[in-house]
Amino acid sequence: MVPVKNRVRFVETDLMGVVHHSNYFCWFEMGRVEYMRQAGVLITDLLAAGIVFPISDVSCKYRASAKFDDNITIETTLVDLSKVKMIFNYRVVRPEDGTLLATGSTKNAFSDVNGKIVRLPAQYFDLLQAALLKEQIGPADE
C-alpha cells in the first residue's frame, strides 16, 4: 500500500462545502501515479516508449463526505497485474479521525497510442510485479 497525503482544496468542493464526487477519481489517479513511481515505473518513461494505460473500468463507493481543508490520505494497492492489464484498489481516509471516505478500483489496459493492446515490456513489468509480490507478502519482519 502506498499512501498519498493531500488537503482538500476549495476548488474541489461544491456549494455545500463538500467534495464533488468527481474529485475522487482524480485522487485515485494521484495514488496510482505515486504507486508506480515508488515501484520505479515513471509515467514519462512509459509515454516515451509509446505505452499508455487507459482505464477500462472504474468504480467508487462513497462512504462519508470530505470537506474543504480536510486532510486526506489516498491509500493505493496493486491487486492484480498481467502484461496487458493492472488493477488497483483505493481507500480514501481522513487520518485525524480514521473515517473511511471512499473505496474504489481501477482497471487499466496497456496499449499503444493508437489504442492497440500491447504487452508491457519486462523492464516495467518486473518492477510492478515486485511491488505486487511485496503487497501479497506484506511488510518484512524486522
Protein backbone atom coordinates (compact mmCIF):
# COMPACT_ATOMS: atom_id res chain seq x y z
CA MET A 1 0.00 0.00 0.00
CA VAL A 2 1.30 3.42 -0.96
CA PRO A 3 -0.20 6.39 0.91
CA VAL A 4 -0.50 9.86 -0.61
CA LYS A 5 -1.34 12.74 1.70
CA ASN A 6 -3.42 15.61 0.39
CA ARG A 7 -5.51 18.52 1.63
CA VAL A 8 -8.93 19.19 0.11
CA ARG A 9 -8.81 22.39 -1.93
CA PHE A 10 -11.71 24.82 -2.14
CA VAL A 11 -11.97 24.25 -5.91
CA GLU A 12 -12.75 20.56 -5.22
CA THR A 13 -15.91 21.37 -3.26
CA ASP A 14 -19.48 22.23 -4.19
CA LEU A 15 -21.74 24.96 -2.80
CA MET A 16 -22.26 22.87 0.33
CA GLY A 17 -18.52 22.76 1.04
CA VAL A 18 -18.47 19.02 0.32
CA VAL A 19 -16.01 17.45 -2.12
CA HIS A 20 -17.62 16.91 -5.52
CA HIS A 21 -17.78 13.18 -6.32
CA SER A 22 -15.67 13.50 -9.49
CA ASN A 23 -12.59 14.51 -7.49
CA TYR A 24 -12.23 11.04 -6.01
CA PHE A 25 -11.26 9.79 -9.48
CA CYS A 26 -8.53 12.45 -9.63
CA TRP A 27 -7.31 11.32 -6.23
CA PHE A 28 -7.24 7.71 -7.43
CA GLU A 29 -5.01 8.86 -10.29
CA MET A 30 -2.71 10.66 -7.85
CA GLY A 31 -2.39 7.43 -5.88
CA ARG A 32 -1.81 5.28 -8.97
CA VAL A 33 0.91 7.57 -10.34
CA GLU A 34 2.69 7.69 -6.97
CA TYR A 35 2.40 3.92 -6.57
CA MET A 36 4.03 3.37 -9.94
CA ARG A 37 6.71 5.98 -9.17
CA GLN A 38 7.60 4.21 -5.93
CA ALA A 39 7.72 0.91 -7.82
CA GLY A 40 10.27 2.50 -10.18
CA VAL A 41 7.95 2.97 -13.17
CA LEU A 42 7.73 6.58 -14.34
CA ILE A 43 4.75 7.62 -16.44
CA THR A 44 7.03 9.80 -18.56
CA ASP A 45 9.15 6.74 -19.41
CA LEU A 46 6.09 4.75 -20.45
CA LEU A 47 4.86 7.62 -22.61
CA ALA A 48 8.30 7.97 -24.21
CA ALA A 49 8.12 4.24 -25.02
CA GLY A 50 4.73 4.78 -26.67
CA ILE A 51 2.83 2.96 -23.91
CA VAL A 52 -0.34 4.34 -22.38
CA PHE A 53 -2.69 2.66 -19.92
CA PRO A 54 -6.27 3.83 -20.32
CA ILE A 55 -8.83 2.92 -17.70
CA SER A 56 -11.22 0.23 -18.88
CA ASP A 57 -13.21 0.03 -15.64
CA VAL A 58 -13.54 2.32 -12.60
CA SER A 59 -15.70 2.24 -9.50
CA CYS A 60 -16.10 4.30 -6.37
CA LYS A 61 -18.20 3.75 -3.28
CA TYR A 62 -18.74 6.92 -1.28
CA ARG A 63 -18.95 6.33 2.46
CA ALA A 64 -18.60 9.76 4.12
CA SER A 65 -18.14 13.31 2.93
CA ALA A 66 -14.78 15.01 2.67
CA LYS A 67 -14.94 18.76 3.14
CA PHE A 68 -12.85 21.81 2.35
CA ASP A 69 -9.49 21.85 4.14
CA ASP A 70 -9.75 18.23 5.36
CA ASN A 71 -6.52 16.29 5.39
CA ILE A 72 -6.97 13.08 3.45
CA THR A 73 -4.82 10.07 2.69
CA ILE A 74 -5.24 8.11 -0.55
CA GLU A 75 -4.14 4.51 0.05
CA THR A 76 -3.34 2.70 -3.19
CA THR A 77 -2.80 -1.04 -3.53
CA LEU A 78 -1.91 -3.01 -6.66
CA VAL A 79 -4.09 -6.13 -6.51
CA ASP A 80 -3.68 -7.75 -9.94
CA LEU A 81 -1.15 -7.50 -12.75
CA SER A 82 -0.54 -9.15 -16.10
CA LYS A 83 1.46 -7.99 -19.09
CA VAL A 84 -1.71 -6.45 -20.57
CA LYS A 85 -3.53 -5.01 -17.53
CA MET A 86 -3.27 -3.85 -13.94
CA ILE A 87 -5.90 -3.41 -11.22
CA PHE A 88 -5.61 -1.05 -8.27
CA ASN A 89 -7.78 -0.67 -5.18
CA TYR A 90 -8.07 2.60 -3.29
CA ARG A 91 -9.13 3.80 0.13
CA VAL A 92 -9.54 7.49 0.91
CA VAL A 93 -9.42 8.21 4.63
CA ARG A 94 -9.42 11.23 6.91
CA PRO A 95 -6.44 10.40 9.15
CA GLU A 96 -7.40 12.67 12.07
CA ASP A 97 -10.41 10.55 12.99
CA GLY A 98 -9.84 7.45 10.82
CA THR A 99 -13.04 7.99 8.83
CA LEU A 100 -13.19 5.96 5.63
CA LEU A 101 -14.42 8.41 3.00
CA ALA A 102 -14.43 6.21 -0.11
CA THR A 103 -13.21 2.96 -1.61
CA GLY A 104 -12.61 2.32 -5.27
CA SER A 105 -10.95 0.33 -8.00
CA THR A 106 -9.48 0.93 -11.45
CA LYS A 107 -8.56 -1.49 -14.20
CA ASN A 108 -6.06 -0.26 -16.78
CA ALA A 109 -5.09 -1.93 -20.04
CA PHE A 110 -1.69 -1.33 -21.60
CA SER A 111 -1.90 -0.06 -25.17
CA ASP A 112 -0.02 1.90 -27.77
CA VAL A 113 -1.05 5.45 -28.59
CA ASN A 114 -3.47 4.13 -31.25
CA GLY A 115 -5.36 2.04 -28.70
CA LYS A 116 -3.96 -1.36 -29.70
CA ILE A 117 -3.41 -3.60 -26.66
CA VAL A 118 0.30 -4.25 -26.06
CA ARG A 119 2.29 -6.39 -23.67
CA LEU A 120 4.15 -4.39 -21.04
CA PRO A 121 7.92 -4.76 -21.60
CA ALA A 122 9.80 -6.74 -18.95
CA GLN A 123 11.72 -3.68 -17.72
CA TYR A 124 8.44 -2.22 -16.42
CA PHE A 125 6.51 -5.42 -15.73
CA ASP A 126 9.24 -6.79 -13.45
CA LEU A 127 9.18 -3.64 -11.29
CA LEU A 128 5.40 -3.72 -10.93
CA GLN A 129 5.45 -7.49 -10.34
CA ALA A 130 7.93 -6.97 -7.49
CA ALA A 131 5.61 -4.34 -5.96
CA LEU A 132 2.64 -6.70 -6.28
CA LEU A 133 4.56 -9.52 -4.60
CA LYS A 134 5.50 -7.14 -1.80
CA GLU A 135 1.78 -6.32 -1.38
CA GLN A 136 0.89 -10.00 -1.22
CA ILE A 137 3.63 -10.94 1.23
CA GLY A 138 3.17 -7.91 3.48
CA PRO A 139 5.80 -5.99 5.41
CA ALA A 140 9.04 -7.81 6.15
CA ASP A 141 9.64 -8.85 9.74
CA GLU A 142 12.41 -6.93 11.38
